[in-house]
Amino acid sequence: MPAEELQNEIMNAISKSQAAVVEAIQKWASTVQSMKPELPDLNLPFADSLNIADKLPKPEGVVKNAYDFAEQLLANQRKFAEDVLKAASPLLGNAKNSDTSKA
């Protein structure tokens, strides 16, 4: 089916470009890491209050939560669209149960 072939080509192009971006970021991070100076330990009475990084959410968790939510939202929207089509099927000439995935 031509639409599926086009979708596959688009997904392949996206995957290749994403892989190139990830590789570039890895190289950049490695270069920056090698140039980063070592900072001295702060042995001050209030130093613990300056370390807020441990209290922030981890980037991996933020990304996971965002995509989990997006997946739930997309599934909910799909069900809603399918329910709307089913409810309107008598008006659309699709009174019989039809497979819309082949359209």
N, C-alpha and C. Protein backbone atom coordinates (compact mmCIF):
# COMPACT_ATOMS: atom_id res chain seq x y z
N MET A 1 0.84 -1.17 0.00
CA MET A 1 0.00 0.00 0.00
C MET A 1 0.90 1.25 0.00
N PRO A 2 0.69 2.17 -0.93
CA PRO A 2 1.57 3.35 -1.06
C PRO A 2 1.63 4.20 0.21
N ALA A 3 0.53 4.36 0.91
CA ALA A 3 0.54 5.18 2.13
C ALA A 3 1.44 4.56 3.19
N GLU A 4 1.40 3.24 3.32
CA GLU A 4 2.26 2.57 4.31
C GLU A 4 3.73 2.68 3.93
N GLU A 5 4.03 2.59 2.64
CA GLU A 5 5.42 2.73 2.19
C GLU A 5 5.93 4.14 2.49
N LEU A 6 5.10 5.14 2.25
CA LEU A 6 5.48 6.51 2.54
C LEU A 6 5.70 6.71 4.04
N GLN A 7 4.81 6.14 4.84
CA GLN A 7 4.96 6.23 6.30
C GLN A 7 6.26 5.57 6.75
N ASN A 8 6.58 4.41 6.17
CA ASN A 8 7.82 3.72 6.53
C ASN A 8 9.05 4.55 6.14
N GLU A 9 9.01 5.18 4.97
CA GLU A 9 10.13 6.02 4.54
C GLU A 9 10.29 7.21 5.47
N ILE A 10 9.19 7.82 5.86
CA ILE A 10 9.24 8.96 6.77
C ILE A 10 9.82 8.52 8.12
N MET A 11 9.34 7.39 8.65
CA MET A 11 9.84 6.91 9.94
C MET A 11 11.33 6.57 9.86
N ASN A 12 11.78 5.98 8.75
CA ASN A 12 13.20 5.67 8.58
C ASN A 12 14.04 6.94 8.55
N ALA A 13 13.56 7.96 7.82
CA ALA A 13 14.29 9.22 7.75
C ALA A 13 14.37 9.88 9.14
N ILE A 14 13.27 9.84 9.87
CA ILE A 14 13.26 10.41 11.22
C ILE A 14 14.24 9.66 12.12
N SER A 15 14.22 8.33 12.05
CA SER A 15 15.12 7.53 12.89
C SER A 15 16.58 7.83 12.58
N LYS A 16 16.91 7.95 11.30
CA LYS A 16 18.30 8.25 10.92
C LYS A 16 18.72 9.63 11.41
N SER A 17 17.84 10.61 11.28
CA SER A 17 18.20 11.96 11.72
C SER A 17 18.31 12.00 13.25
N GLN A 18 17.44 11.28 13.95
CA GLN A 18 17.53 11.24 15.41
C GLN A 18 18.83 10.58 15.85
N ALA A 19 19.23 9.51 15.18
CA ALA A 19 20.48 8.83 15.53
C ALA A 19 21.67 9.77 15.32
N ALA A 20 21.63 10.56 14.25
CA ALA A 20 22.72 11.51 13.99
C ALA A 20 22.78 12.57 15.08
N VAL A 21 21.64 13.05 15.53
CA VAL A 21 21.60 14.06 16.59
C VAL A 21 22.13 13.47 17.89
N VAL A 22 21.72 12.25 18.23
CA VAL A 22 22.20 11.60 19.46
C VAL A 22 23.71 11.43 19.41
N GLU A 23 24.23 11.00 18.28
CA GLU A 23 25.67 10.82 18.13
C GLU A 23 26.40 12.16 18.30
N ALA A 24 25.87 13.22 17.70
CA ALA A 24 26.49 14.54 17.83
C ALA A 24 26.48 15.01 19.28
N ILE A 25 25.39 14.78 19.98
CA ILE A 25 25.30 15.19 21.40
C ILE A 25 26.27 14.39 22.24
N GLN A 26 26.41 13.08 21.95
CA GLN A 26 27.37 12.27 22.70
C GLN A 26 28.80 12.80 22.52
N LYS A 27 29.15 13.15 21.28
CA LYS A 27 30.49 13.69 21.02
C LYS A 27 30.68 15.03 21.72
N TRP A 28 29.66 15.88 21.65
CA TRP A 28 29.73 17.19 22.30
C TRP A 28 29.88 17.03 23.81
N ALA A 29 29.07 16.16 24.41
CA ALA A 29 29.12 15.96 25.86
C ALA A 29 30.48 15.42 26.29
N SER A 30 31.03 14.53 25.51
CA SER A 30 32.34 13.96 25.82
C SER A 30 33.42 15.04 25.76
N THR A 31 33.33 15.89 24.76
CA THR A 31 34.31 16.98 24.62
C THR A 31 34.19 17.96 25.78
N VAL A 32 32.99 18.36 26.11
CA VAL A 32 32.78 19.30 27.21
C VAL A 32 33.23 18.69 28.53
N GLN A 33 32.92 17.41 28.74
CA GLN A 33 33.31 16.72 29.97
C GLN A 33 34.83 16.73 30.13
N SER A 34 35.55 16.55 29.04
CA SER A 34 37.01 16.50 29.13
C SER A 34 37.61 17.87 29.44
N MET A 35 36.87 18.94 29.17
CA MET A 35 37.37 20.30 29.41
C MET A 35 36.85 20.89 30.72
N LYS A 36 35.92 20.22 31.37
CA LYS A 36 35.29 20.75 32.58
C LYS A 36 36.29 20.73 33.74
N PRO A 37 36.48 21.88 34.39
CA PRO A 37 37.42 21.89 35.52
C PRO A 37 36.79 21.23 36.74
N GLU A 38 37.64 20.67 37.58
CA GLU A 38 37.18 20.08 38.83
C GLU A 38 36.92 21.21 39.82
N LEU A 39 35.78 21.19 40.43
CA LEU A 39 35.45 22.22 41.43
C LEU A 39 35.81 21.71 42.82
N PRO A 40 36.30 22.59 43.67
CA PRO A 40 36.65 22.15 45.03
C PRO A 40 35.39 21.86 45.83
N ASP A 41 35.52 20.98 46.80
CA ASP A 41 34.41 20.70 47.70
C ASP A 41 34.13 21.92 48.57
N LEU A 42 32.86 22.19 48.79
CA LEU A 42 32.48 23.28 49.67
C LEU A 42 32.30 22.71 51.08
N ASN A 43 33.17 23.04 51.94
CA ASN A 43 33.07 22.58 53.32
C ASN A 43 32.51 23.71 54.18
N LEU A 44 31.37 24.19 53.78
CA LEU A 44 30.72 25.27 54.51
C LEU A 44 29.51 24.71 55.26
N PRO A 45 29.13 25.34 56.35
CA PRO A 45 27.99 24.83 57.13
C PRO A 45 26.69 24.76 56.33
N PHE A 46 26.52 25.64 55.37
CA PHE A 46 25.28 25.69 54.60
C PHE A 46 25.41 25.05 53.22
N ALA A 47 26.52 24.35 52.97
CA ALA A 47 26.77 23.80 51.63
C ALA A 47 25.67 22.83 51.19
N ASP A 48 25.11 22.06 52.13
CA ASP A 48 24.06 21.10 51.77
C ASP A 48 22.83 21.81 51.21
N SER A 49 22.56 23.01 51.70
CA SER A 49 21.38 23.72 51.19
C SER A 49 21.61 24.24 49.77
N LEU A 50 22.86 24.29 49.31
CA LEU A 50 23.15 24.73 47.95
C LEU A 50 22.97 23.61 46.94
N ASN A 51 23.00 22.37 47.38
CA ASN A 51 22.89 21.21 46.49
C ASN A 51 21.43 20.87 46.25
N ILE A 52 20.79 21.63 45.39
CA ILE A 52 19.37 21.37 45.10
C ILE A 52 19.20 20.37 43.97
N ALA A 53 20.29 20.03 43.27
CA ALA A 53 20.19 19.10 42.13
C ALA A 53 19.61 17.76 42.56
N ASP A 54 19.94 17.30 43.77
CA ASP A 54 19.42 16.02 44.25
C ASP A 54 17.92 16.07 44.51
N LYS A 55 17.40 17.27 44.70
CA LYS A 55 15.97 17.42 44.99
C LYS A 55 15.14 17.57 43.71
N LEU A 56 15.79 17.85 42.59
CA LEU A 56 15.08 18.02 41.31
C LEU A 56 14.80 16.67 40.68
N PRO A 57 13.73 16.58 39.86
CA PRO A 57 13.49 15.31 39.15
C PRO A 57 14.61 15.03 38.16
N LYS A 58 14.90 13.77 37.97
CA LYS A 58 15.93 13.37 37.02
C LYS A 58 15.38 13.54 35.59
N PRO A 59 16.24 13.95 34.65
CA PRO A 59 15.76 14.13 33.27
C PRO A 59 15.11 12.88 32.69
N GLU A 60 15.65 11.72 33.02
CA GLU A 60 15.08 10.47 32.51
C GLU A 60 13.65 10.29 32.99
N GLY A 61 13.40 10.64 34.25
CA GLY A 61 12.05 10.52 34.80
C GLY A 61 11.08 11.50 34.17
N VAL A 62 11.57 12.72 33.90
CA VAL A 62 10.72 13.73 33.26
C VAL A 62 10.32 13.25 31.86
N VAL A 63 11.29 12.75 31.10
CA VAL A 63 10.99 12.27 29.75
C VAL A 63 10.03 11.08 29.80
N LYS A 64 10.29 10.12 30.70
CA LYS A 64 9.42 8.95 30.81
C LYS A 64 7.99 9.36 31.15
N ASN A 65 7.85 10.24 32.13
CA ASN A 65 6.52 10.67 32.53
C ASN A 65 5.80 11.42 31.41
N ALA A 66 6.52 12.25 30.69
CA ALA A 66 5.91 13.01 29.59
C ALA A 66 5.42 12.06 28.49
N TYR A 67 6.22 11.07 28.14
CA TYR A 67 5.82 10.14 27.09
C TYR A 67 4.73 9.18 27.57
N ASP A 68 4.78 8.78 28.82
CA ASP A 68 3.69 7.95 29.36
C ASP A 68 2.37 8.70 29.28
N PHE A 69 2.40 9.98 29.65
CA PHE A 69 1.19 10.80 29.58
C PHE A 69 0.73 10.95 28.14
N ALA A 70 1.68 11.21 27.23
CA ALA A 70 1.33 11.38 25.82
C ALA A 70 0.71 10.09 25.26
N GLU A 71 1.24 8.94 25.64
CA GLU A 71 0.67 7.67 25.19
C GLU A 71 -0.75 7.50 25.70
N GLN A 72 -0.98 7.82 26.96
CA GLN A 72 -2.33 7.71 27.53
C GLN A 72 -3.28 8.68 26.82
N LEU A 73 -2.81 9.89 26.57
CA LEU A 73 -3.64 10.89 25.91
C LEU A 73 -3.97 10.45 24.49
N LEU A 74 -2.99 9.94 23.76
CA LEU A 74 -3.23 9.48 22.39
C LEU A 74 -4.19 8.30 22.36
N ALA A 75 -4.04 7.36 23.28
CA ALA A 75 -4.95 6.22 23.35
C ALA A 75 -6.36 6.69 23.66
N ASN A 76 -6.49 7.64 24.57
CA ASN A 76 -7.80 8.20 24.91
C ASN A 76 -8.42 8.89 23.70
N GLN A 77 -7.63 9.67 22.97
CA GLN A 77 -8.14 10.38 21.80
C GLN A 77 -8.55 9.40 20.70
N ARG A 78 -7.79 8.33 20.54
CA ARG A 78 -8.13 7.32 19.53
C ARG A 78 -9.47 6.67 19.87
N LYS A 79 -9.63 6.28 21.14
CA LYS A 79 -10.89 5.67 21.55
C LYS A 79 -12.05 6.63 21.33
N PHE A 80 -11.84 7.89 21.68
CA PHE A 80 -12.87 8.90 21.49
C PHE A 80 -13.24 9.02 20.01
N ALA A 81 -12.25 9.10 19.13
CA ALA A 81 -12.51 9.22 17.69
C ALA A 81 -13.24 7.99 17.17
N GLU A 82 -12.83 6.81 17.62
CA GLU A 82 -13.50 5.58 17.20
C GLU A 82 -14.94 5.54 17.69
N ASP A 83 -15.17 5.98 18.94
CA ASP A 83 -16.52 6.02 19.50
C ASP A 83 -17.41 7.01 18.74
N VAL A 84 -16.83 8.16 18.36
CA VAL A 84 -17.59 9.15 17.59
C VAL A 84 -17.97 8.57 16.23
N LEU A 85 -17.04 7.92 15.56
CA LEU A 85 -17.34 7.31 14.26
C LEU A 85 -18.40 6.23 14.39
N LYS A 86 -18.29 5.43 15.44
CA LYS A 86 -19.27 4.38 15.67
C LYS A 86 -20.66 4.97 15.92
N ALA A 87 -20.72 6.02 16.74
CA ALA A 87 -22.00 6.65 17.04
C ALA A 87 -22.61 7.31 15.81
N ALA A 88 -21.78 7.85 14.94
CA ALA A 88 -22.26 8.55 13.75
C ALA A 88 -22.39 7.64 12.54
N SER A 89 -22.03 6.37 12.67
CA SER A 89 -22.03 5.46 11.52
C SER A 89 -23.37 5.38 10.78
N PRO A 90 -24.52 5.43 11.45
CA PRO A 90 -25.77 5.40 10.69
C PRO A 90 -25.89 6.60 9.73
N LEU A 91 -25.38 7.73 10.11
CA LEU A 91 -25.44 8.91 9.26
C LEU A 91 -24.38 8.91 8.17
N LEU A 92 -23.32 8.17 8.39
CA LEU A 92 -22.22 8.13 7.44
C LEU A 92 -22.35 7.01 6.42
N GLY A 93 -23.43 6.24 6.52
CA GLY A 93 -23.61 5.12 5.60
C GLY A 93 -22.81 3.90 5.98
N ASN A 94 -22.34 3.86 7.20
CA ASN A 94 -21.55 2.73 7.67
C ASN A 94 -22.29 2.02 8.80
N ALA A 95 -23.56 1.78 8.60
CA ALA A 95 -24.37 1.17 9.67
C ALA A 95 -23.84 -0.19 10.05
N LYS A 96 -23.29 -0.91 9.07
CA LYS A 96 -22.71 -2.22 9.38
C LYS A 96 -21.31 -2.01 9.92
N ASN A 97 -20.86 -2.94 10.71
CA ASN A 97 -19.53 -2.87 11.31
C ASN A 97 -18.48 -2.95 10.21
N SER A 98 -17.75 -1.85 9.98
CA SER A 98 -16.71 -1.85 8.94
C SER A 98 -15.37 -1.65 9.56
N ASP A 99 -14.32 -2.12 8.88
CA ASP A 99 -12.94 -1.98 9.34
C ASP A 99 -12.36 -0.72 8.73
N THR A 100 -12.22 0.33 9.56
CA THR A 100 -11.70 1.61 9.04
C THR A 100 -10.19 1.60 8.90
N SER A 101 -9.50 0.58 9.41
CA SER A 101 -8.05 0.57 9.30
C SER A 101 -7.59 0.24 7.89
N LYS A 102 -8.47 -0.29 7.03
CA LYS A 102 -8.10 -0.61 5.67
C LYS A 102 -8.34 0.55 4.71
N ALA A 103 -8.93 1.62 5.21
CA ALA A 103 -9.24 2.76 4.36
C ALA A 103 -8.02 3.55 3.99
